[in-house]
Amino acid sequence: MRARTSLAALLAAAGLLLPGAASAQQADGERLFRQRCGTCHSLEPGQNRTGPHLSGVIGRKAGSVEGARYSAALRESDIVWEGGTLDTFLAAPRQMVPGTSMTVGVPNAAQRAAIIGYLEGAVAQ
């Protein structure tokens, strides 16, 4: 399943999926982001909530958003956010980073992939 989701994300990024399929996947990711992440995170730069804003999260070092509250464990983790690290973290935050203050996980792989795809697309817009 993970390989299929990754392939879909690669095809969408390369523009090889039909526009309707890519936009449907983006819409699903946006809906899931709002439902699962939007209470604590924003995509607006500088708009930190309980968690840091996620604008530009891809390629960013964990624990590095100015003014955001982080656990020492996340600040000291040396994680750089990309598809794989986000997938592992979202699946089980406290397993990947013991001591993190993020308690909400997304156990469903397809939902994680849609959210990550949305975050990757949000960066490109």
PDB file of N, CA and C in Angstrom:
ATOM      1  N   MET A   1       0.823  -1.196   0.000  1.00  0.00           N
ATOM      2  CA  MET A   1       0.000   0.000   0.000  1.00  0.00           C
ATOM      3  C   MET A   1       0.868   1.262   0.000  1.00  0.00           C
ATOM      4  N   ARG A   2       1.929   1.263   0.783  1.00  0.00           N
ATOM      5  CA  ARG A   2       2.804   2.423   0.861  1.00  0.00           C
ATOM      6  C   ARG A   2       3.450   2.703  -0.489  1.00  0.00           C
ATOM      7  N   ALA A   3       3.870   1.650  -1.190  1.00  0.00           N
ATOM      8  CA  ALA A   3       4.474   1.819  -2.505  1.00  0.00           C
ATOM      9  C   ALA A   3       3.465   2.418  -3.478  1.00  0.00           C
ATOM     10  N   ARG A   4       2.214   1.972  -3.426  1.00  0.00           N
ATOM     11  CA  ARG A   4       1.173   2.497  -4.315  1.00  0.00           C
ATOM     12  C   ARG A   4       0.927   3.976  -4.023  1.00  0.00           C
ATOM     13  N   THR A   5       0.873   4.333  -2.740  1.00  0.00           N
ATOM     14  CA  THR A   5       0.648   5.718  -2.361  1.00  0.00           C
ATOM     15  C   THR A   5       1.824   6.578  -2.797  1.00  0.00           C
ATOM     16  N   SER A   6       3.039   6.083  -2.602  1.00  0.00           N
ATOM     17  CA  SER A   6       4.227   6.818  -3.010  1.00  0.00           C
ATOM     18  C   SER A   6       4.256   6.985  -4.517  1.00  0.00           C
ATOM     19  N   LEU A   7       3.882   5.950  -5.254  1.00  0.00           N
ATOM     20  CA  LEU A   7       3.843   6.033  -6.707  1.00  0.00           C
ATOM     21  C   LEU A   7       2.839   7.090  -7.139  1.00  0.00           C
ATOM     22  N   ALA A   8       1.678   7.112  -6.501  1.00  0.00           N
ATOM     23  CA  ALA A   8       0.659   8.109  -6.836  1.00  0.00           C
ATOM     24  C   ALA A   8       1.187   9.514  -6.563  1.00  0.00           C
ATOM     25  N   ALA A   9       1.891   9.680  -5.455  1.00  0.00           N
ATOM     26  CA  ALA A   9       2.444  10.997  -5.128  1.00  0.00           C
ATOM     27  C   ALA A   9       3.496  11.405  -6.156  1.00  0.00           C
ATOM     28  N   LEU A  10       4.346  10.464  -6.569  1.00  0.00           N
ATOM     29  CA  LEU A  10       5.355  10.757  -7.584  1.00  0.00           C
ATOM     30  C   LEU A  10       4.723  11.100  -8.925  1.00  0.00           C
ATOM     31  N   LEU A  11       3.722  10.329  -9.322  1.00  0.00           N
ATOM     32  CA  LEU A  11       3.045  10.608 -10.585  1.00  0.00           C
ATOM     33  C   LEU A  11       2.348  11.959 -10.549  1.00  0.00           C
ATOM     34  N   ALA A  12       1.727  12.274  -9.419  1.00  0.00           N
ATOM     35  CA  ALA A  12       1.059  13.568  -9.292  1.00  0.00           C
ATOM     36  C   ALA A  12       2.080  14.695  -9.375  1.00  0.00           C
ATOM     37  N   ALA A  13       3.215  14.528  -8.693  1.00  0.00           N
ATOM     38  CA  ALA A  13       4.256  15.550  -8.720  1.00  0.00           C
ATOM     39  C   ALA A  13       4.822  15.733 -10.131  1.00  0.00           C
ATOM     40  N   ALA A  14       4.910  14.655 -10.868  1.00  0.00           N
ATOM     41  CA  ALA A  14       5.438  14.722 -12.234  1.00  0.00           C
ATOM     42  C   ALA A  14       4.382  15.179 -13.234  1.00  0.00           C
ATOM     43  N   GLY A  15       3.152  15.355 -12.767  1.00  0.00           N
ATOM     44  CA  GLY A  15       2.082  15.782 -13.650  1.00  0.00           C
ATOM     45  C   GLY A  15       1.555  14.679 -14.538  1.00  0.00           C
ATOM     46  N   LEU A  16       1.771  13.412 -14.142  1.00  0.00           N
ATOM     47  CA  LEU A  16       1.366  12.287 -14.967  1.00  0.00           C
ATOM     48  C   LEU A  16      -0.004  11.738 -14.617  1.00  0.00           C
ATOM     49  N   LEU A  17      -0.594  12.184 -13.526  1.00  0.00           N
ATOM     50  CA  LEU A  17      -1.956  11.786 -13.205  1.00  0.00           C
ATOM     51  C   LEU A  17      -2.915  12.739 -13.900  1.00  0.00           C
ATOM     52  N   LEU A  18      -4.083  12.269 -14.162  1.00  0.00           N
ATOM     53  CA  LEU A  18      -5.095  13.150 -14.734  1.00  0.00           C
ATOM     54  C   LEU A  18      -5.343  14.297 -13.772  1.00  0.00           C
ATOM     55  N   PRO A  19      -5.576  15.496 -14.281  1.00  0.00           N
ATOM     56  CA  PRO A  19      -5.790  16.636 -13.379  1.00  0.00           C
ATOM     57  C   PRO A  19      -6.875  16.389 -12.345  1.00  0.00           C
ATOM     58  N   GLY A  20      -7.936  15.705 -12.720  1.00  0.00           N
ATOM     59  CA  GLY A  20      -9.009  15.419 -11.765  1.00  0.00           C
ATOM     60  C   GLY A  20      -8.552  14.528 -10.638  1.00  0.00           C
ATOM     61  N   ALA A  21      -7.724  13.517 -10.953  1.00  0.00           N
ATOM     62  CA  ALA A  21      -7.219  12.609  -9.917  1.00  0.00           C
ATOM     63  C   ALA A  21      -6.289  13.341  -8.962  1.00  0.00           C
ATOM     64  N   ALA A  22      -5.406  14.173  -9.524  1.00  0.00           N
ATOM     65  CA  ALA A  22      -4.480  14.916  -8.675  1.00  0.00           C
ATOM     66  C   ALA A  22      -5.224  15.909  -7.802  1.00  0.00           C
ATOM     67  N   SER A  23      -6.212  16.604  -8.370  1.00  0.00           N
ATOM     68  CA  SER A  23      -6.945  17.582  -7.571  1.00  0.00           C
ATOM     69  C   SER A  23      -7.821  16.895  -6.524  1.00  0.00           C
ATOM     70  N   ALA A  24      -8.337  15.705  -6.839  1.00  0.00           N
ATOM     71  CA  ALA A  24      -9.120  14.958  -5.854  1.00  0.00           C
ATOM     72  C   ALA A  24      -8.235  14.523  -4.696  1.00  0.00           C
ATOM     73  N   GLN A  25      -7.026  14.075  -5.005  1.00  0.00           N
ATOM     74  CA  GLN A  25      -6.085  13.666  -3.959  1.00  0.00           C
ATOM     75  C   GLN A  25      -5.706  14.876  -3.102  1.00  0.00           C
ATOM     76  N   GLN A  26      -5.485  16.022  -3.717  1.00  0.00           N
ATOM     77  CA  GLN A  26      -5.146  17.243  -2.983  1.00  0.00           C
ATOM     78  C   GLN A  26      -6.314  17.654  -2.089  1.00  0.00           C
ATOM     79  N   ALA A  27      -7.543  17.563  -2.614  1.00  0.00           N
ATOM     80  CA  ALA A  27      -8.725  17.932  -1.828  1.00  0.00           C
ATOM     81  C   ALA A  27      -8.892  17.000  -0.634  1.00  0.00           C
ATOM     82  N   ASP A  28      -8.631  15.709  -0.831  1.00  0.00           N
ATOM     83  CA  ASP A  28      -8.720  14.750   0.261  1.00  0.00           C
ATOM     84  C   ASP A  28      -7.667  15.074   1.319  1.00  0.00           C
ATOM     85  N   GLY A  29      -6.465  15.388   0.883  1.00  0.00           N
ATOM     86  CA  GLY A  29      -5.401  15.757   1.816  1.00  0.00           C
ATOM     87  C   GLY A  29      -5.732  17.014   2.583  1.00  0.00           C
ATOM     88  N   GLU A  30      -6.325  17.997   1.899  1.00  0.00           N
ATOM     89  CA  GLU A  30      -6.711  19.238   2.576  1.00  0.00           C
ATOM     90  C   GLU A  30      -7.788  18.960   3.621  1.00  0.00           C
ATOM     91  N   ARG A  31      -8.790  18.156   3.262  1.00  0.00           N
ATOM     92  CA  ARG A  31      -9.862  17.807   4.203  1.00  0.00           C
ATOM     93  C   ARG A  31      -9.287  17.097   5.431  1.00  0.00           C
ATOM     94  N   LEU A  32      -8.414  16.124   5.200  1.00  0.00           N
ATOM     95  CA  LEU A  32      -7.816  15.387   6.313  1.00  0.00           C
ATOM     96  C   LEU A  32      -6.925  16.297   7.159  1.00  0.00           C
ATOM     97  N   PHE A  33      -6.184  17.198   6.507  1.00  0.00           N
ATOM     98  CA  PHE A  33      -5.357  18.137   7.261  1.00  0.00           C
ATOM     99  C   PHE A  33      -6.229  18.970   8.188  1.00  0.00           C
ATOM    100  N   ARG A  34      -7.318  19.504   7.650  1.00  0.00           N
ATOM    101  CA  ARG A  34      -8.213  20.335   8.472  1.00  0.00           C
ATOM    102  C   ARG A  34      -8.792  19.527   9.639  1.00  0.00           C
ATOM    103  N   GLN A  35      -9.194  18.271   9.361  1.00  0.00           N
ATOM    104  CA  GLN A  35      -9.803  17.426  10.396  1.00  0.00           C
ATOM    105  C   GLN A  35      -8.795  16.958  11.432  1.00  0.00           C
ATOM    106  N   ARG A  36      -7.650  16.496  10.980  1.00  0.00           N
ATOM    107  CA  ARG A  36      -6.700  15.829  11.875  1.00  0.00           C
ATOM    108  C   ARG A  36      -5.621  16.759  12.430  1.00  0.00           C
ATOM    109  N   CYS A  37      -5.277  17.814  11.694  1.00  0.00           N
ATOM    110  CA  CYS A  37      -4.115  18.632  12.060  1.00  0.00           C
ATOM    111  C   CYS A  37      -4.452  20.093  12.327  1.00  0.00           C
ATOM    112  N   GLY A  38      -5.517  20.590  11.670  1.00  0.00           N
ATOM    113  CA  GLY A  38      -5.820  22.008  11.652  1.00  0.00           C
ATOM    114  C   GLY A  38      -6.151  22.643  12.986  1.00  0.00           C
ATOM    115  N   THR A  39      -6.554  21.875  13.965  1.00  0.00           N
ATOM    116  CA  THR A  39      -6.834  22.444  15.283  1.00  0.00           C
ATOM    117  C   THR A  39      -5.552  22.957  15.929  1.00  0.00           C
ATOM    118  N   CYS A  40      -4.465  22.230  15.736  1.00  0.00           N
ATOM    119  CA  CYS A  40      -3.198  22.580  16.395  1.00  0.00           C
ATOM    120  C   CYS A  40      -2.180  23.245  15.464  1.00  0.00           C
ATOM    121  N   HIS A  41      -2.344  23.082  14.145  1.00  0.00           N
ATOM    122  CA  HIS A  41      -1.361  23.600  13.184  1.00  0.00           C
ATOM    123  C   HIS A  41      -2.035  24.431  12.111  1.00  0.00           C
ATOM    124  N   SER A  42      -1.329  25.458  11.655  1.00  0.00           N
ATOM    125  CA  SER A  42      -1.785  26.310  10.570  1.00  0.00           C
ATOM    126  C   SER A  42      -0.806  26.178   9.406  1.00  0.00           C
ATOM    127  N   LEU A  43      -1.237  26.549   8.219  1.00  0.00           N
ATOM    128  CA  LEU A  43      -0.326  26.647   7.078  1.00  0.00           C
ATOM    129  C   LEU A  43       0.100  28.085   6.826  1.00  0.00           C
ATOM    130  N   GLU A  44      -0.372  29.000   7.642  1.00  0.00           N
ATOM    131  CA  GLU A  44      -0.005  30.409   7.495  1.00  0.00           C
ATOM    132  C   GLU A  44       1.329  30.672   8.188  1.00  0.00           C
ATOM    133  N   PRO A  45       2.307  31.204   7.453  1.00  0.00           N
ATOM    134  CA  PRO A  45       3.607  31.510   8.071  1.00  0.00           C
ATOM    135  C   PRO A  45       3.435  32.399   9.300  1.00  0.00           C
ATOM    136  N   GLY A  46       4.122  32.038  10.370  1.00  0.00           N
ATOM    137  CA  GLY A  46       4.091  32.827  11.592  1.00  0.00           C
ATOM    138  C   GLY A  46       2.869  32.619  12.460  1.00  0.00           C
ATOM    139  N   GLN A  47       1.908  31.842  12.000  1.00  0.00           N
ATOM    140  CA  GLN A  47       0.687  31.621  12.783  1.00  0.00           C
ATOM    141  C   GLN A  47       0.801  30.306  13.551  1.00  0.00           C
ATOM    142  N   ASN A  48       1.519  30.351  14.668  1.00  0.00           N
ATOM    143  CA  ASN A  48       1.657  29.179  15.512  1.00  0.00           C
ATOM    144  C   ASN A  48       0.416  29.045  16.377  1.00  0.00           C
ATOM    145  N   ARG A  49       0.023  27.815  16.580  1.00  0.00           N
ATOM    146  CA  ARG A  49      -1.098  27.508  17.476  1.00  0.00           C
ATOM    147  C   ARG A  49      -0.506  26.663  18.602  1.00  0.00           C
ATOM    148  N   THR A  50      -1.217  25.652  19.028  1.00  0.00           N
ATOM    149  CA  THR A  50      -0.648  24.731  20.015  1.00  0.00           C
ATOM    150  C   THR A  50       0.632  24.125  19.453  1.00  0.00           C
ATOM    151  N   GLY A  51       0.625  23.844  18.155  1.00  0.00           N
ATOM    152  CA  GLY A  51       1.807  23.364  17.441  1.00  0.00           C
ATOM    153  C   GLY A  51       2.281  24.439  16.487  1.00  0.00           C
ATOM    154  N   PRO A  52       3.465  24.269  15.924  1.00  0.00           N
ATOM    155  CA  PRO A  52       4.019  25.274  15.014  1.00  0.00           C
ATOM    156  C   PRO A  52       3.257  25.319  13.690  1.00  0.00           C
ATOM    157  N   HIS A  53       3.380  26.451  12.980  1.00  0.00           N
ATOM    158  CA  HIS A  53       2.806  26.515  11.642  1.00  0.00           C
ATOM    159  C   HIS A  53       3.570  25.527  10.753  1.00  0.00           C
ATOM    160  N   LEU A  54       2.898  25.018   9.754  1.00  0.00           N
ATOM    161  CA  LEU A  54       3.508  24.017   8.882  1.00  0.00           C
ATOM    162  C   LEU A  54       3.803  24.563   7.488  1.00  0.00           C
ATOM    163  N   SER A  55       3.758  25.858   7.328  1.00  0.00           N
ATOM    164  CA  SER A  55       4.158  26.467   6.069  1.00  0.00           C
ATOM    165  C   SER A  55       5.646  26.213   5.869  1.00  0.00           C
ATOM    166  N   GLY A  56       5.999  25.629   4.746  1.00  0.00           N
ATOM    167  CA  GLY A  56       7.408  25.352   4.474  1.00  0.00           C
ATOM    168  C   GLY A  56       7.994  24.228   5.303  1.00  0.00           C
ATOM    169  N   VAL A  57       7.148  23.334   5.798  1.00  0.00           N
ATOM    170  CA  VAL A  57       7.627  22.257   6.670  1.00  0.00           C
ATOM    171  C   VAL A  57       8.579  21.301   5.932  1.00  0.00           C
ATOM    172  N   ILE A  58       8.347  21.064   4.649  1.00  0.00           N
ATOM    173  CA  ILE A  58       9.201  20.139   3.896  1.00  0.00           C
ATOM    174  C   ILE A  58      10.600  20.739   3.777  1.00  0.00           C
ATOM    175  N   GLY A  59      11.576  19.996   4.256  1.00  0.00           N
ATOM    176  CA  GLY A  59      12.962  20.447   4.236  1.00  0.00           C
ATOM    177  C   GLY A  59      13.393  21.219   5.467  1.00  0.00           C
ATOM    178  N   ARG A  60      12.485  21.421   6.402  1.00  0.00           N
ATOM    179  CA  ARG A  60      12.786  22.195   7.608  1.00  0.00           C
ATOM    180  C   ARG A  60      13.234  21.271   8.739  1.00  0.00           C
ATOM    181  N   LYS A  61      14.161  21.741   9.548  1.00  0.00           N
ATOM    182  CA  LYS A  61      14.603  21.000  10.721  1.00  0.00           C
ATOM    183  C   LYS A  61      13.501  21.052  11.778  1.00  0.00           C
ATOM    184  N   ALA A  62      13.237  19.912  12.392  1.00  0.00           N
ATOM    185  CA  ALA A  62      12.237  19.833  13.458  1.00  0.00           C
ATOM    186  C   ALA A  62      12.635  20.744  14.607  1.00  0.00           C
ATOM    187  N   GLY A  63      11.638  21.382  15.192  1.00  0.00           N
ATOM    188  CA  GLY A  63      11.886  22.216  16.368  1.00  0.00           C
ATOM    189  C   GLY A  63      12.508  23.557  16.059  1.00  0.00           C
ATOM    190  N   SER A  64      12.368  24.050  14.830  1.00  0.00           N
ATOM    191  CA  SER A  64      13.092  25.265  14.449  1.00  0.00           C
ATOM    192  C   SER A  64      12.228  26.484  14.133  1.00  0.00           C
ATOM    193  N   VAL A  65      10.911  26.389  14.288  1.00  0.00           N
ATOM    194  CA  VAL A  65      10.053  27.540  13.986  1.00  0.00           C
ATOM    195  C   VAL A  65      10.137  28.547  15.124  1.00  0.00           C
ATOM    196  N   GLU A  66      10.500  29.761  14.773  1.00  0.00           N
ATOM    197  CA  GLU A  66      10.624  30.847  15.747  1.00  0.00           C
ATOM    198  C   GLU A  66       9.295  31.073  16.462  1.00  0.00           C
ATOM    199  N   GLY A  67       9.336  31.105  17.784  1.00  0.00           N
ATOM    200  CA  GLY A  67       8.156  31.411  18.582  1.00  0.00           C
ATOM    201  C   GLY A  67       7.244  30.230  18.879  1.00  0.00           C
ATOM    202  N   ALA A  68       7.518  29.067  18.292  1.00  0.00           N
ATOM    203  CA  ALA A  68       6.688  27.889  18.544  1.00  0.00           C
ATOM    204  C   ALA A  68       7.172  27.175  19.801  1.00  0.00           C
ATOM    205  N   ARG A  69       6.222  26.499  20.466  1.00  0.00           N
ATOM    206  CA  ARG A  69       6.566  25.721  21.658  1.00  0.00           C
ATOM    207  C   ARG A  69       6.910  24.299  21.235  1.00  0.00           C
ATOM    208  N   TYR A  70       8.067  23.838  21.619  1.00  0.00           N
ATOM    209  CA  TYR A  70       8.521  22.487  21.302  1.00  0.00           C
ATOM    210  C   TYR A  70       9.014  21.801  22.571  1.00  0.00           C
ATOM    211  N   SER A  71       8.929  20.499  22.569  1.00  0.00           N
ATOM    212  CA  SER A  71       9.575  19.728  23.626  1.00  0.00           C
ATOM    213  C   SER A  71      11.082  19.750  23.357  1.00  0.00           C
ATOM    214  N   ALA A  72      11.853  19.567  24.410  1.00  0.00           N
ATOM    215  CA  ALA A  72      13.306  19.478  24.238  1.00  0.00           C
ATOM    216  C   ALA A  72      13.647  18.291  23.332  1.00  0.00           C
ATOM    217  N   ALA A  73      12.875  17.219  23.460  1.00  0.00           N
ATOM    218  CA  ALA A  73      13.136  16.018  22.648  1.00  0.00           C
ATOM    219  C   ALA A  73      13.050  16.328  21.156  1.00  0.00           C
ATOM    220  N   LEU A  74      12.073  17.092  20.735  1.00  0.00           N
ATOM    221  CA  LEU A  74      11.932  17.405  19.310  1.00  0.00           C
ATOM    222  C   LEU A  74      12.981  18.414  18.870  1.00  0.00           C
ATOM    223  N   ARG A  75      13.235  19.438  19.682  1.00  0.00           N
ATOM    224  CA  ARG A  75      14.272  20.432  19.341  1.00  0.00           C
ATOM    225  C   ARG A  75      15.631  19.778  19.157  1.00  0.00           C
ATOM    226  N   GLU A  76      15.923  18.754  19.939  1.00  0.00           N
ATOM    227  CA  GLU A  76      17.236  18.109  19.922  1.00  0.00           C
ATOM    228  C   GLU A  76      17.286  16.885  19.014  1.00  0.00           C
ATOM    229  N   SER A  77      16.234  16.631  18.238  1.00  0.00           N
ATOM    230  CA  SER A  77      16.121  15.387  17.475  1.00  0.00           C
ATOM    231  C   SER A  77      16.954  15.319  16.195  1.00  0.00           C
ATOM    232  N   ASP A  78      17.359  16.431  15.628  1.00  0.00           N
ATOM    233  CA  ASP A  78      18.085  16.464  14.345  1.00  0.00           C
ATOM    234  C   ASP A  78      17.273  15.903  13.182  1.00  0.00           C
ATOM    235  N   ILE A  79      15.963  15.883  13.307  1.00  0.00           N
ATOM    236  CA  ILE A  79      15.088  15.425  12.221  1.00  0.00           C
ATOM    237  C   ILE A  79      14.917  16.564  11.224  1.00  0.00           C
ATOM    238  N   VAL A  80      14.944  16.222   9.948  1.00  0.00           N
ATOM    239  CA  VAL A  80      14.571  17.153   8.889  1.00  0.00           C
ATOM    240  C   VAL A  80      13.303  16.588   8.273  1.00  0.00           C
ATOM    241  N   TRP A  81      12.269  17.421   8.180  1.00  0.00           N
ATOM    242  CA  TRP A  81      10.972  16.943   7.703  1.00  0.00           C
ATOM    243  C   TRP A  81      10.958  16.766   6.195  1.00  0.00           C
ATOM    244  N   GLU A  82      10.661  15.551   5.783  1.00  0.00           N
ATOM    245  CA  GLU A  82      10.416  15.188   4.388  1.00  0.00           C
ATOM    246  C   GLU A  82       9.381  14.074   4.432  1.00  0.00           C
ATOM    247  N   GLY A  83       8.978  13.562   3.284  1.00  0.00           N
ATOM    248  CA  GLY A  83       7.902  12.586   3.246  1.00  0.00           C
ATOM    249  C   GLY A  83       8.076  11.414   4.196  1.00  0.00           C
ATOM    250  N   GLY A  84       9.247  10.809   4.202  1.00  0.00           N
ATOM    251  CA  GLY A  84       9.486   9.637   5.045  1.00  0.00           C
ATOM    252  C   GLY A  84       9.490   9.932   6.527  1.00  0.00           C
ATOM    253  N   THR A  85      10.135  11.032   6.922  1.00  0.00           N
ATOM    254  CA  THR A  85      10.173  11.354   8.345  1.00  0.00           C
ATOM    255  C   THR A  85       8.793  11.786   8.837  1.00  0.00           C
ATOM    256  N   LEU A  86       8.063  12.518   7.999  1.00  0.00           N
ATOM    257  CA  LEU A  86       6.696  12.888   8.379  1.00  0.00           C
ATOM    258  C   LEU A  86       5.812  11.653   8.510  1.00  0.00           C
ATOM    259  N   ASP A  87       5.955  10.705   7.592  1.00  0.00           N
ATOM    260  CA  ASP A  87       5.149   9.488   7.640  1.00  0.00           C
ATOM    261  C   ASP A  87       5.405   8.725   8.941  1.00  0.00           C
ATOM    262  N   THR A  88       6.658   8.539   9.281  1.00  0.00           N
ATOM    263  CA  THR A  88       7.004   7.819  10.506  1.00  0.00           C
ATOM    264  C   THR A  88       6.514   8.563  11.743  1.00  0.00           C
ATOM    265  N   PHE A  89       6.708   9.880  11.757  1.00  0.00           N
ATOM    266  CA  PHE A  89       6.300  10.678  12.909  1.00  0.00           C
ATOM    267  C   PHE A  89       4.788  10.685  13.068  1.00  0.00           C
ATOM    268  N   LEU A  90       4.073  10.902  11.975  1.00  0.00           N
ATOM    269  CA  LEU A  90       2.611  10.949  12.061  1.00  0.00           C
ATOM    270  C   LEU A  90       2.013   9.601  12.463  1.00  0.00           C
ATOM    271  N   ALA A  91       2.664   8.516  12.078  1.00  0.00           N
ATOM    272  CA  ALA A  91       2.168   7.185  12.440  1.00  0.00           C
ATOM    273  C   ALA A  91       2.189   6.995  13.954  1.00  0.00           C
ATOM    274  N   ALA A  92       3.249   7.442  14.597  1.00  0.00           N
ATOM    275  CA  ALA A  92       3.397   7.260  16.048  1.00  0.00           C
ATOM    276  C   ALA A  92       4.421   8.263  16.575  1.00  0.00           C
ATOM    277  N   PRO A  93       3.986   9.495  16.828  1.00  0.00           N
ATOM    278  CA  PRO A  93       4.927  10.547  17.232  1.00  0.00           C
ATOM    279  C   PRO A  93       5.816  10.182  18.419  1.00  0.00           C
ATOM    280  N   ARG A  94       5.240   9.589  19.443  1.00  0.00           N
ATOM    281  CA  ARG A  94       6.009   9.313  20.658  1.00  0.00           C
ATOM    282  C   ARG A  94       6.907   8.090  20.532  1.00  0.00           C
ATOM    283  N   GLN A  95       6.677   7.277  19.517  1.00  0.00           N
ATOM    284  CA  GLN A  95       7.623   6.186  19.255  1.00  0.00           C
ATOM    285  C   GLN A  95       8.848   6.725  18.534  1.00  0.00           C
ATOM    286  N   MET A  96       8.631   7.644  17.591  1.00  0.00           N
ATOM    287  CA  MET A  96       9.756   8.205  16.845  1.00  0.00           C
ATOM    288  C   MET A  96      10.572   9.166  17.703  1.00  0.00           C
ATOM    289  N   VAL A  97       9.877   9.990  18.490  1.00  0.00           N
ATOM    290  CA  VAL A  97      10.547  10.979  19.337  1.00  0.00           C
ATOM    291  C   VAL A  97       9.977  10.869  20.754  1.00  0.00           C
ATOM    292  N   PRO A  98      10.524   9.957  21.552  1.00  0.00           N
ATOM    293  CA  PRO A  98      10.064   9.854  22.939  1.00  0.00           C
ATOM    294  C   PRO A  98      10.229  11.206  23.644  1.00  0.00           C
ATOM    295  N   GLY A  99       9.182  11.659  24.292  1.00  0.00           N
ATOM    296  CA  GLY A  99       9.227  12.944  24.973  1.00  0.00           C
ATOM    297  C   GLY A  99       8.607  14.079  24.168  1.00  0.00           C
ATOM    298  N   THR A 100       8.202  13.827  22.924  1.00  0.00           N
ATOM    299  CA  THR A 100       7.551  14.886  22.161  1.00  0.00           C
ATOM    300  C   THR A 100       6.229  15.249  22.813  1.00  0.00           C
ATOM    301  N   SER A 101       5.819  16.485  22.631  1.00  0.00           N
ATOM    302  CA  SER A 101       4.532  16.903  23.188  1.00  0.00           C
ATOM    303  C   SER A 101       3.384  16.605  22.229  1.00  0.00           C
ATOM    304  N   MET A 102       3.687  16.182  21.007  1.00  0.00           N
ATOM    305  CA  MET A 102       2.615  15.830  20.069  1.00  0.00           C
ATOM    306  C   MET A 102       2.072  14.452  20.435  1.00  0.00           C
ATOM    307  N   THR A 103       0.779  14.415  20.703  1.00  0.00           N
ATOM    308  CA  THR A 103       0.161  13.167  21.143  1.00  0.00           C
ATOM    309  C   THR A 103      -0.697  12.526  20.064  1.00  0.00           C
ATOM    310  N   VAL A 104      -1.089  13.286  19.059  1.00  0.00           N
ATOM    311  CA  VAL A 104      -2.010  12.798  18.040  1.00  0.00           C
ATOM    312  C   VAL A 104      -1.236  12.115  16.923  1.00  0.00           C
ATOM    313  N   GLY A 105      -1.629  10.873  16.637  1.00  0.00           N
ATOM    314  CA  GLY A 105      -1.043  10.142  15.529  1.00  0.00           C
ATOM    315  C   GLY A 105      -2.092   9.882  14.462  1.00  0.00           C
ATOM    316  N   VAL A 106      -1.634   9.524  13.285  1.00  0.00           N
ATOM    317  CA  VAL A 106      -2.532   9.164  12.181  1.00  0.00           C
ATOM    318  C   VAL A 106      -2.153   7.738  11.792  1.00  0.00           C
ATOM    319  N   PRO A 107      -2.815   6.737  12.369  1.00  0.00           N
ATOM    320  CA  PRO A 107      -2.418   5.348  12.124  1.00  0.00           C
ATOM    321  C   PRO A 107      -2.704   4.851  10.708  1.00  0.00           C
ATOM    322  N   ASN A 108      -3.634   5.481  10.000  1.00  0.00           N
ATOM    323  CA  ASN A 108      -4.009   5.040   8.661  1.00  0.00           C
ATOM    324  C   ASN A 108      -2.996   5.556   7.636  1.00  0.00           C
ATOM    325  N   ALA A 109      -2.305   4.631   6.955  1.00  0.00           N
ATOM    326  CA  ALA A 109      -1.249   4.989   6.002  1.00  0.00           C
ATOM    327  C   ALA A 109      -1.763   5.835   4.842  1.00  0.00           C
ATOM    328  N   ALA A 110      -2.946   5.530   4.333  1.00  0.00           N
ATOM    329  CA  ALA A 110      -3.502   6.301   3.214  1.00  0.00           C
ATOM    330  C   ALA A 110      -3.807   7.731   3.650  1.00  0.00           C
ATOM    331  N   GLN A 111      -4.307   7.898   4.865  1.00  0.00           N
ATOM    332  CA  GLN A 111      -4.584   9.243   5.372  1.00  0.00           C
ATOM    333  C   GLN A 111      -3.287  10.018   5.563  1.00  0.00           C
ATOM    334  N   ARG A 112      -2.257   9.349   6.103  1.00  0.00           N
ATOM    335  CA  ARG A 112      -0.957  10.021   6.264  1.00  0.00           C
ATOM    336  C   ARG A 112      -0.424  10.466   4.917  1.00  0.00           C
ATOM    337  N   ALA A 113      -0.505   9.585   3.926  1.00  0.00           N
ATOM    338  CA  ALA A 113       0.000   9.916   2.583  1.00  0.00           C
ATOM    339  C   ALA A 113      -0.750  11.106   1.995  1.00  0.00           C
ATOM    340  N   ALA A 114      -2.064  11.158   2.196  1.00  0.00           N
ATOM    341  CA  ALA A 114      -2.855  12.275   1.671  1.00  0.00           C
ATOM    342  C   ALA A 114      -2.470  13.588   2.369  1.00  0.00           C
ATOM    343  N   ILE A 115      -2.280  13.534   3.674  1.00  0.00           N
ATOM    344  CA  ILE A 115      -1.890  14.734   4.423  1.00  0.00           C
ATOM    345  C   ILE A 115      -0.511  15.199   3.981  1.00  0.00           C
ATOM    346  N   ILE A 116       0.429  14.280   3.863  1.00  0.00           N
ATOM    347  CA  ILE A 116       1.787  14.631   3.448  1.00  0.00           C
ATOM    348  C   ILE A 116       1.779  15.177   2.023  1.00  0.00           C
ATOM    349  N   GLY A 117       1.008  14.557   1.147  1.00  0.00           N
ATOM    350  CA  GLY A 117       0.882  15.068  -0.221  1.00  0.00           C
ATOM    351  C   GLY A 117       0.324  16.477  -0.242  1.00  0.00           C
ATOM    352  N   TYR A 118      -0.646  16.730   0.617  1.00  0.00           N
ATOM    353  CA  TYR A 118      -1.218  18.068   0.725  1.00  0.00           C
ATOM    354  C   TYR A 118      -0.151  19.065   1.207  1.00  0.00           C
ATOM    355  N   LEU A 119       0.601  18.689   2.234  1.00  0.00           N
ATOM    356  CA  LEU A 119       1.656  19.572   2.737  1.00  0.00           C
ATOM    357  C   LEU A 119       2.712  19.832   1.667  1.00  0.00           C
ATOM    358  N   GLU A 120       3.075  18.807   0.920  1.00  0.00           N
ATOM    359  CA  GLU A 120       4.056  18.976  -0.168  1.00  0.00           C
ATOM    360  C   GLU A 120       3.499  19.893  -1.252  1.00  0.00           C
ATOM    361  N   GLY A 121       2.220  19.740  -1.581  1.00  0.00           N
ATOM    362  CA  GLY A 121       1.584  20.600  -2.580  1.00  0.00           C
ATOM    363  C   GLY A 121       1.405  22.011  -2.091  1.00  0.00           C
ATOM    364  N   ALA A 122       1.132  22.183  -0.816  1.00  0.00           N
ATOM    365  CA  ALA A 122       0.930  23.513  -0.245  1.00  0.00           C
ATOM    366  C   ALA A 122       2.229  24.321  -0.327  1.00  0.00           C
ATOM    367  N   VAL A 123       3.367  23.635  -0.222  1.00  0.00           N
ATOM    368  CA  VAL A 123       4.665  24.280  -0.320  1.00  0.00           C
ATOM    369  C   VAL A 123       4.873  24.768  -1.752  1.00  0.00           C
ATOM    370  N   ALA A 124       4.420  23.985  -2.736  1.00  0.00           N
ATOM    371  CA  ALA A 124       4.648  24.296  -4.135  1.00  0.00           C
ATOM    372  C   ALA A 124       3.744  25.430  -4.624  1.00  0.00           C
ATOM    373  N   GLN A 125       2.670  25.712  -3.921  1.00  0.00           N
ATOM    374  CA  GLN A 125       1.712  26.726  -4.413  1.00  0.00           C
ATOM    375  C   GLN A 125       2.176  28.129  -4.155  1.00  0.00           C
TER     376      GLN A 125
END
